[in-house]
PDB file of all heavy atoms in Angstrom:
ATOM      1  N   ALA A   1      84.876  84.803 110.575  1.00  0.00           N
ATOM      2  CA  ALA A   1      83.491  84.059 110.764  1.00  0.00           C
ATOM      3  C   ALA A   1      82.574  84.947 111.439  1.00  0.00           C
ATOM      4  O   ALA A   1      82.842  85.587 112.324  1.00  0.00           O
ATOM      5  CB  ALA A   1      83.755  82.730 111.515  1.00  0.00           C
ATOM      6  N   LEU A   2      81.375  84.952 110.816  1.00  0.00           N
ATOM      7  CA  LEU A   2      80.240  85.640 111.473  1.00  0.00           C
ATOM      8  C   LEU A   2      79.264  84.734 112.093  1.00  0.00           C
ATOM      9  O   LEU A   2      78.513  85.119 113.063  1.00  0.00           O
ATOM     10  CB  LEU A   2      79.504  86.567 110.426  1.00  0.00           C
ATOM     11  CG  LEU A   2      80.348  87.518 109.682  1.00  0.00           C
ATOM     12  CD1 LEU A   2      79.453  88.148 108.586  1.00  0.00           C
ATOM     13  CD2 LEU A   2      80.837  88.561 110.583  1.00  0.00           C
ATOM     14  N   GLN A   3      79.204  83.493 111.586  1.00  0.00           N
ATOM     15  CA  GLN A   3      78.322  82.443 112.155  1.00  0.00           C
ATOM     16  C   GLN A   3      78.891  81.112 111.871  1.00  0.00           C
ATOM     17  O   GLN A   3      79.549  80.883 110.899  1.00  0.00           O
ATOM     18  CB  GLN A   3      76.920  82.507 111.466  1.00  0.00           C
ATOM     19  CG  GLN A   3      75.934  81.531 112.066  1.00  0.00           C
ATOM     20  CD  GLN A   3      74.630  81.655 111.518  1.00  0.00           C
ATOM     21  OE1 GLN A   3      74.194  82.600 110.853  1.00  0.00           O
ATOM     22  NE2 GLN A   3      73.828  80.696 111.702  1.00  0.00           N
ATOM     23  N   ALA A   4      78.947  80.266 112.901  1.00  0.00           N
ATOM     24  CA  ALA A   4      79.401  78.915 112.816  1.00  0.00           C
ATOM     25  C   ALA A   4      78.575  77.853 113.560  1.00  0.00           C
ATOM     26  O   ALA A   4      78.604  77.817 114.764  1.00  0.00           O
ATOM     27  CB  ALA A   4      80.857  78.870 113.463  1.00  0.00           C
ATOM     28  N   SER A   5      77.820  77.137 112.834  1.00  0.00           N
ATOM     29  CA  SER A   5      76.945  76.134 113.348  1.00  0.00           C
ATOM     30  C   SER A   5      76.952  74.952 112.450  1.00  0.00           C
ATOM     31  O   SER A   5      77.317  75.050 111.256  1.00  0.00           O
ATOM     32  CB  SER A   5      75.564  76.668 113.677  1.00  0.00           C
ATOM     33  OG  SER A   5      74.766  76.814 112.338  1.00  0.00           O
ATOM     34  N   SER A   6      76.321  73.882 112.819  1.00  0.00           N
ATOM     35  CA  SER A   6      76.274  72.723 111.895  1.00  0.00           C
ATOM     36  C   SER A   6      75.166  72.924 110.783  1.00  0.00           C
ATOM     37  O   SER A   6      75.186  72.170 109.862  1.00  0.00           O
ATOM     38  CB  SER A   6      75.897  71.462 112.688  1.00  0.00           C
ATOM     39  OG  SER A   6      74.564  71.601 113.298  1.00  0.00           O
ATOM     40  N   SER A   7      74.398  73.896 110.873  1.00  0.00           N
ATOM     41  CA  SER A   7      73.453  74.205 109.813  1.00  0.00           C
ATOM     42  C   SER A   7      73.854  75.404 109.016  1.00  0.00           C
ATOM     43  O   SER A   7      73.374  75.445 107.853  1.00  0.00           O
ATOM     44  CB  SER A   7      71.997  74.453 110.424  1.00  0.00           C
ATOM     45  OG  SER A   7      72.117  75.589 111.224  1.00  0.00           O
ATOM     46  N   GLU A   8      74.759  76.296 109.473  1.00  0.00           N
ATOM     47  CA  GLU A   8      75.093  77.468 108.542  1.00  0.00           C
ATOM     48  C   GLU A   8      76.463  78.027 109.012  1.00  0.00           C
ATOM     49  O   GLU A   8      76.632  78.238 110.269  1.00  0.00           O
ATOM     50  CB  GLU A   8      74.011  78.451 108.615  1.00  0.00           C
ATOM     51  CG  GLU A   8      74.425  79.670 107.678  1.00  0.00           C
ATOM     52  CD  GLU A   8      73.250  80.683 107.511  1.00  0.00           C
ATOM     53  OE1 GLU A   8      72.353  80.361 106.698  1.00  0.00           O
ATOM     54  OE2 GLU A   8      73.230  81.687 108.250  1.00  0.00           O
ATOM     55  N   VAL A   9      77.280  78.373 108.063  1.00  0.00           N
ATOM     56  CA  VAL A   9      78.484  78.956 108.269  1.00  0.00           C
ATOM     57  C   VAL A   9      78.405  80.242 107.421  1.00  0.00           C
ATOM     58  O   VAL A   9      78.023  80.233 106.251  1.00  0.00           O
ATOM     59  CB  VAL A   9      79.722  78.206 107.893  1.00  0.00           C
ATOM     60  CG1 VAL A   9      80.974  79.078 107.784  1.00  0.00           C
ATOM     61  CG2 VAL A   9      80.038  77.104 108.924  1.00  0.00           C
ATOM     62  N   ARG A  10      78.773  81.418 108.046  1.00  0.00           N
ATOM     63  CA  ARG A  10      78.779  82.651 107.315  1.00  0.00           C
ATOM     64  C   ARG A  10      80.121  83.354 107.542  1.00  0.00           C
ATOM     65  O   ARG A  10      80.531  83.536 108.714  1.00  0.00           O
ATOM     66  CB  ARG A  10      77.714  83.625 107.858  1.00  0.00           C
ATOM     67  CG  ARG A  10      77.462  84.847 107.257  1.00  0.00           C
ATOM     68  CD  ARG A  10      76.278  85.601 107.824  1.00  0.00           C
ATOM     69  NE  ARG A  10      75.006  84.965 107.638  1.00  0.00           N
ATOM     70  CZ  ARG A  10      74.212  85.218 106.633  1.00  0.00           C
ATOM     71  NH1 ARG A  10      74.527  86.190 105.642  1.00  0.00           N
ATOM     72  NH2 ARG A  10      73.045  84.582 106.448  1.00  0.00           N
ATOM     73  N   LEU A  11      80.829  83.628 106.449  1.00  0.00           N
ATOM     74  CA  LEU A  11      82.155  84.274 106.550  1.00  0.00           C
ATOM     75  C   LEU A  11      82.046  85.657 105.883  1.00  0.00           C
ATOM     76  O   LEU A  11      81.334  85.779 104.864  1.00  0.00           O
ATOM     77  CB  LEU A  11      83.163  83.427 105.756  1.00  0.00           C
ATOM     78  CG  LEU A  11      83.416  82.020 106.184  1.00  0.00           C
ATOM     79  CD1 LEU A  11      84.444  81.372 105.226  1.00  0.00           C
ATOM     80  CD2 LEU A  11      83.730  81.933 107.659  1.00  0.00           C
ATOM     81  N   ASN A  12      82.847  86.500 106.422  1.00  0.00           N
ATOM     82  CA  ASN A  12      82.930  87.906 105.888  1.00  0.00           C
ATOM     83  C   ASN A  12      84.358  88.008 105.173  1.00  0.00           C
ATOM     84  O   ASN A  12      85.266  87.516 105.843  1.00  0.00           O
ATOM     85  CB  ASN A  12      82.686  89.014 106.979  1.00  0.00           C
ATOM     86  CG  ASN A  12      82.702  90.370 106.345  1.00  0.00           C
ATOM     87  OD1 ASN A  12      81.729  90.732 105.705  1.00  0.00           O
ATOM     88  ND2 ASN A  12      83.774  91.143 106.574  1.00  0.00           N
ATOM     89  N   ALA A  13      84.443  88.711 104.107  1.00  0.00           N
ATOM     90  CA  ALA A  13      85.785  88.938 103.582  1.00  0.00           C
ATOM     91  C   ALA A  13      85.909  90.476 103.177  1.00  0.00           C
ATOM     92  O   ALA A  13      84.873  91.053 102.790  1.00  0.00           O
ATOM     93  CB  ALA A  13      85.985  88.149 102.240  1.00  0.00           C
ATOM     94  N   LEU A  14      87.065  90.966 103.503  1.00  0.00           N
ATOM     95  CA  LEU A  14      87.287  92.447 103.219  1.00  0.00           C
ATOM     96  C   LEU A  14      87.520  92.639 101.749  1.00  0.00           C
ATOM     97  O   LEU A  14      88.065  91.870 100.939  1.00  0.00           O
ATOM     98  CB  LEU A  14      88.482  92.941 103.939  1.00  0.00           C
ATOM     99  CG  LEU A  14      88.372  92.745 105.557  1.00  0.00           C
ATOM    100  CD1 LEU A  14      89.675  93.264 106.129  1.00  0.00           C
ATOM    101  CD2 LEU A  14      87.161  93.665 106.041  1.00  0.00           C
ATOM    102  N   PHE A  15      87.138  93.852 101.240  1.00  0.00           N
ATOM    103  CA  PHE A  15      87.260  94.180  99.914  1.00  0.00           C
ATOM    104  C   PHE A  15      88.732  94.397  99.447  1.00  0.00           C
ATOM    105  O   PHE A  15      89.175  93.875  98.521  1.00  0.00           O
ATOM    106  CB  PHE A  15      86.314  95.357  99.477  1.00  0.00           C
ATOM    107  CG  PHE A  15      86.682  95.908  98.096  1.00  0.00           C
ATOM    108  CD1 PHE A  15      86.330  95.121  96.957  1.00  0.00           C
ATOM    109  CD2 PHE A  15      87.172  97.139  97.952  1.00  0.00           C
ATOM    110  CE1 PHE A  15      86.578  95.691  95.693  1.00  0.00           C
ATOM    111  CE2 PHE A  15      87.426  97.669  96.685  1.00  0.00           C
ATOM    112  CZ  PHE A  15      87.162  96.903  95.586  1.00  0.00           C
ATOM    113  N   GLU A  16      89.345  95.317 100.183  1.00  0.00           N
ATOM    114  CA  GLU A  16      90.768  95.771  99.887  1.00  0.00           C
ATOM    115  C   GLU A  16      91.745  94.681  99.541  1.00  0.00           C
ATOM    116  O   GLU A  16      92.392  94.787  98.563  1.00  0.00           O
ATOM    117  CB  GLU A  16      91.309  96.723 100.910  1.00  0.00           C
ATOM    118  CG  GLU A  16      90.550  98.065 100.982  1.00  0.00           C
ATOM    119  CD  GLU A  16      90.651  98.851  99.665  1.00  0.00           C
ATOM    120  OE1 GLU A  16      91.743  98.833  99.028  1.00  0.00           O
ATOM    121  OE2 GLU A  16      89.668  99.457  99.301  1.00  0.00           O
ATOM    122  N   PRO A  17      91.903  93.648 100.395  1.00  0.00           N
ATOM    123  CA  PRO A  17      92.923  92.642  99.950  1.00  0.00           C
ATOM    124  C   PRO A  17      92.515  91.739  98.812  1.00  0.00           C
ATOM    125  O   PRO A  17      93.299  90.901  98.288  1.00  0.00           O
ATOM    126  CB  PRO A  17      93.208  91.853 101.213  1.00  0.00           C
ATOM    127  CG  PRO A  17      91.911  92.020 102.025  1.00  0.00           C
ATOM    128  CD  PRO A  17      91.380  93.358 101.635  1.00  0.00           C
ATOM    129  N   ASN A  18      91.263  91.885  98.290  1.00  0.00           N
ATOM    130  CA  ASN A  18      90.720  91.026  97.278  1.00  0.00           C
ATOM    131  C   ASN A  18      90.366  91.795  95.992  1.00  0.00           C
ATOM    132  O   ASN A  18      89.672  91.245  95.095  1.00  0.00           O
ATOM    133  CB  ASN A  18      89.500  90.264  97.777  1.00  0.00           C
ATOM    134  CG  ASN A  18      89.917  89.390  98.982  1.00  0.00           C
ATOM    135  OD1 ASN A  18      90.709  88.471  98.817  1.00  0.00           O
ATOM    136  ND2 ASN A  18      89.341  89.733 100.209  1.00  0.00           N
ATOM    137  N   ILE A  19      91.011  92.957  95.824  1.00  0.00           N
ATOM    138  CA  ILE A  19      90.731  93.796  94.692  1.00  0.00           C
ATOM    139  C   ILE A  19      91.418  93.314  93.400  1.00  0.00           C
ATOM    140  O   ILE A  19      92.397  92.750  93.504  1.00  0.00           O
ATOM    141  CB  ILE A  19      91.063  95.310  95.027  1.00  0.00           C
ATOM    142  CG1 ILE A  19      90.424  96.273  94.028  1.00  0.00           C
ATOM    143  CG2 ILE A  19      92.505  95.455  95.098  1.00  0.00           C
ATOM    144  CD1 ILE A  19      90.397  97.664  94.474  1.00  0.00           C
ATOM    145  N   ASN A  20      90.820  93.519  92.336  1.00  0.00           N
ATOM    146  CA  ASN A  20      91.369  93.281  91.031  1.00  0.00           C
ATOM    147  C   ASN A  20      91.760  94.435  90.226  1.00  0.00           C
ATOM    148  O   ASN A  20      91.542  95.605  90.741  1.00  0.00           O
ATOM    149  CB  ASN A  20      90.610  92.195  90.221  1.00  0.00           C
ATOM    150  CG  ASN A  20      89.309  92.866  89.767  1.00  0.00           C
ATOM    151  OD1 ASN A  20      89.035  94.071  89.750  1.00  0.00           O
ATOM    152  ND2 ASN A  20      88.370  92.025  89.265  1.00  0.00           N
ATOM    153  N   HIS A  21      92.239  94.462  88.973  1.00  0.00           N
ATOM    154  CA  HIS A  21      92.617  95.542  88.140  1.00  0.00           C
ATOM    155  C   HIS A  21      91.373  96.304  87.686  1.00  0.00           C
ATOM    156  O   HIS A  21      91.575  97.381  87.245  1.00  0.00           O
ATOM    157  CB  HIS A  21      93.371  94.947  86.940  1.00  0.00           C
ATOM    158  CG  HIS A  21      92.543  94.151  85.996  1.00  0.00           C
ATOM    159  ND1 HIS A  21      92.089  92.868  86.427  1.00  0.00           N
ATOM    160  CD2 HIS A  21      92.035  94.374  84.779  1.00  0.00           C
ATOM    161  CE1 HIS A  21      91.392  92.383  85.417  1.00  0.00           C
ATOM    162  NE2 HIS A  21      91.348  93.250  84.444  1.00  0.00           N
ATOM    163  N   GLN A  22      90.121  95.756  87.870  1.00  0.00           N
ATOM    164  CA  GLN A  22      88.884  96.518  87.480  1.00  0.00           C
ATOM    165  C   GLN A  22      88.329  97.250  88.753  1.00  0.00           C
ATOM    166  O   GLN A  22      87.208  97.716  88.712  1.00  0.00           O
ATOM    167  CB  GLN A  22      87.912  95.542  86.988  1.00  0.00           C
ATOM    168  CG  GLN A  22      88.317  94.916  85.662  1.00  0.00           C
ATOM    169  CD  GLN A  22      88.423  95.869  84.530  1.00  0.00           C
ATOM    170  OE1 GLN A  22      87.665  96.831  84.346  1.00  0.00           O
ATOM    171  NE2 GLN A  22      89.476  95.682  83.604  1.00  0.00           N
ATOM    172  N   ALA A  23      88.985  97.126  89.892  1.00  0.00           N
ATOM    173  CA  ALA A  23      88.560  97.724  91.091  1.00  0.00           C
ATOM    174  C   ALA A  23      87.245  96.979  91.629  1.00  0.00           C
ATOM    175  O   ALA A  23      86.308  97.708  92.236  1.00  0.00           O
ATOM    176  CB  ALA A  23      88.341  99.308  91.084  1.00  0.00           C
ATOM    177  N   THR A  24      87.168  95.698  91.369  1.00  0.00           N
ATOM    178  CA  THR A  24      86.083  94.938  91.827  1.00  0.00           C
ATOM    179  C   THR A  24      86.736  93.746  92.565  1.00  0.00           C
ATOM    180  O   THR A  24      87.963  93.523  92.483  1.00  0.00           O
ATOM    181  CB  THR A  24      85.172  94.398  90.767  1.00  0.00           C
ATOM    182  OG1 THR A  24      85.899  93.659  89.771  1.00  0.00           O
ATOM    183  CG2 THR A  24      84.412  95.512  90.013  1.00  0.00           C
ATOM    184  N   VAL A  25      86.010  92.825  93.115  1.00  0.00           N
ATOM    185  CA  VAL A  25      86.630  91.743  93.766  1.00  0.00           C
ATOM    186  C   VAL A  25      87.210  90.673  92.759  1.00  0.00           C
ATOM    187  O   VAL A  25      86.514  90.374  91.727  1.00  0.00           O
ATOM    188  CB  VAL A  25      85.529  90.987  94.746  1.00  0.00           C
ATOM    189  CG1 VAL A  25      86.049  89.652  95.229  1.00  0.00           C
ATOM    190  CG2 VAL A  25      85.171  91.873  95.959  1.00  0.00           C
ATOM    191  N   PHE A  26      88.315  90.297  92.912  1.00  0.00           N
ATOM    192  CA  PHE A  26      89.026  89.320  92.177  1.00  0.00           C
ATOM    193  C   PHE A  26      88.136  88.000  92.146  1.00  0.00           C
ATOM    194  O   PHE A  26      87.842  87.543  93.153  1.00  0.00           O
ATOM    195  CB  PHE A  26      90.446  89.031  92.604  1.00  0.00           C
ATOM    196  CG  PHE A  26      91.210  88.014  91.905  1.00  0.00           C
ATOM    197  CD1 PHE A  26      91.361  88.106  90.485  1.00  0.00           C
ATOM    198  CD2 PHE A  26      91.746  86.931  92.531  1.00  0.00           C
ATOM    199  CE1 PHE A  26      92.166  87.120  89.808  1.00  0.00           C
ATOM    200  CE2 PHE A  26      92.458  85.917  91.879  1.00  0.00           C
ATOM    201  CZ  PHE A  26      92.634  86.010  90.507  1.00  0.00           C
ATOM    202  N   GLY A  27      87.853  87.383  91.008  1.00  0.00           N
ATOM    203  CA  GLY A  27      87.232  86.118  90.885  1.00  0.00           C
ATOM    204  C   GLY A  27      87.808  85.085  91.710  1.00  0.00           C
ATOM    205  O   GLY A  27      87.105  84.258  92.255  1.00  0.00           O
ATOM    206  N   GLY A  28      89.047  84.948  91.668  1.00  0.00           N
ATOM    207  CA  GLY A  28      89.807  83.841  92.481  1.00  0.00           C
ATOM    208  C   GLY A  28      89.528  84.010  94.006  1.00  0.00           C
ATOM    209  O   GLY A  28      89.358  83.049  94.686  1.00  0.00           O
ATOM    210  N   SER A  29      89.486  85.310  94.445  1.00  0.00           N
ATOM    211  CA  SER A  29      89.184  85.541  95.788  1.00  0.00           C
ATOM    212  C   SER A  29      87.777  85.167  96.254  1.00  0.00           C
ATOM    213  O   SER A  29      87.452  84.541  97.211  1.00  0.00           O
ATOM    214  CB  SER A  29      89.465  87.013  96.183  1.00  0.00           C
ATOM    215  OG  SER A  29      90.820  87.355  96.074  1.00  0.00           O
ATOM    216  N   ALA A  30      86.858  85.532  95.269  1.00  0.00           N
ATOM    217  CA  ALA A  30      85.452  85.214  95.529  1.00  0.00           C
ATOM    218  C   ALA A  30      85.275  83.668  95.649  1.00  0.00           C
ATOM    219  O   ALA A  30      84.613  83.186  96.555  1.00  0.00           O
ATOM    220  CB  ALA A  30      84.564  85.805  94.459  1.00  0.00           C
ATOM    221  N   SER A  31      85.889  82.958  94.680  1.00  0.00           N
ATOM    222  CA  SER A  31      85.769  81.471  94.724  1.00  0.00           C
ATOM    223  C   SER A  31      86.403  80.967  95.995  1.00  0.00           C
ATOM    224  O   SER A  31      85.874  80.035  96.601  1.00  0.00           O
ATOM    225  CB  SER A  31      86.465  80.988  93.471  1.00  0.00           C
ATOM    226  OG  SER A  31      86.445  79.610  93.415  1.00  0.00           O
ATOM    227  N   ALA A  32      87.603  81.499  96.345  1.00  0.00           N
ATOM    228  CA  ALA A  32      88.301  80.955  97.536  1.00  0.00           C
ATOM    229  C   ALA A  32      87.458  81.165  98.827  1.00  0.00           C
ATOM    230  O   ALA A  32      87.330  80.248  99.746  1.00  0.00           O
ATOM    231  CB  ALA A  32      89.680  81.630  97.693  1.00  0.00           C
ATOM    232  N   VAL A  33      86.801  82.295  98.939  1.00  0.00           N
ATOM    233  CA  VAL A  33      85.894  82.578 100.107  1.00  0.00           C
ATOM    234  C   VAL A  33      84.707  81.605 100.125  1.00  0.00           C
ATOM    235  O   VAL A  33      84.364  81.080 101.193  1.00  0.00           O
ATOM    236  CB  VAL A  33      85.550  84.062 100.283  1.00  0.00           C
ATOM    237  CG1 VAL A  33      84.628  84.251 101.391  1.00  0.00           C
ATOM    238  CG2 VAL A  33      86.868  84.893 100.390  1.00  0.00           C
ATOM    239  N   ALA A  34      84.136  81.470  98.963  1.00  0.00           N
ATOM    240  CA  ALA A  34      83.040  80.519  98.883  1.00  0.00           C
ATOM    241  C   ALA A  34      83.481  79.047  99.214  1.00  0.00           C
ATOM    242  O   ALA A  34      82.744  78.377 100.030  1.00  0.00           O
ATOM    243  CB  ALA A  34      82.383  80.524  97.405  1.00  0.00           C
ATOM    244  N   ILE A  35      84.533  78.645  98.723  1.00  0.00           N
ATOM    245  CA  ILE A  35      85.140  77.310  99.123  1.00  0.00           C
ATOM    246  C   ILE A  35      85.407  77.210 100.653  1.00  0.00           C
ATOM    247  O   ILE A  35      85.045  76.265 101.285  1.00  0.00           O
ATOM    248  CB  ILE A  35      86.392  77.068  98.299  1.00  0.00           C
ATOM    249  CG1 ILE A  35      86.065  76.749  96.847  1.00  0.00           C
ATOM    250  CG2 ILE A  35      87.134  75.855  98.862  1.00  0.00           C
ATOM    251  CD1 ILE A  35      87.290  76.664  96.022  1.00  0.00           C
TER     252      ILE A  35
END
């Protein structure tokens, strides 16, 4: 977590554990972090 308030939450996620076969962020990881 980078910010945690009742008006805004901001989370950071690392690239390496979320990489896919195309060397980009895996869509499931992107969705999970947004959720």
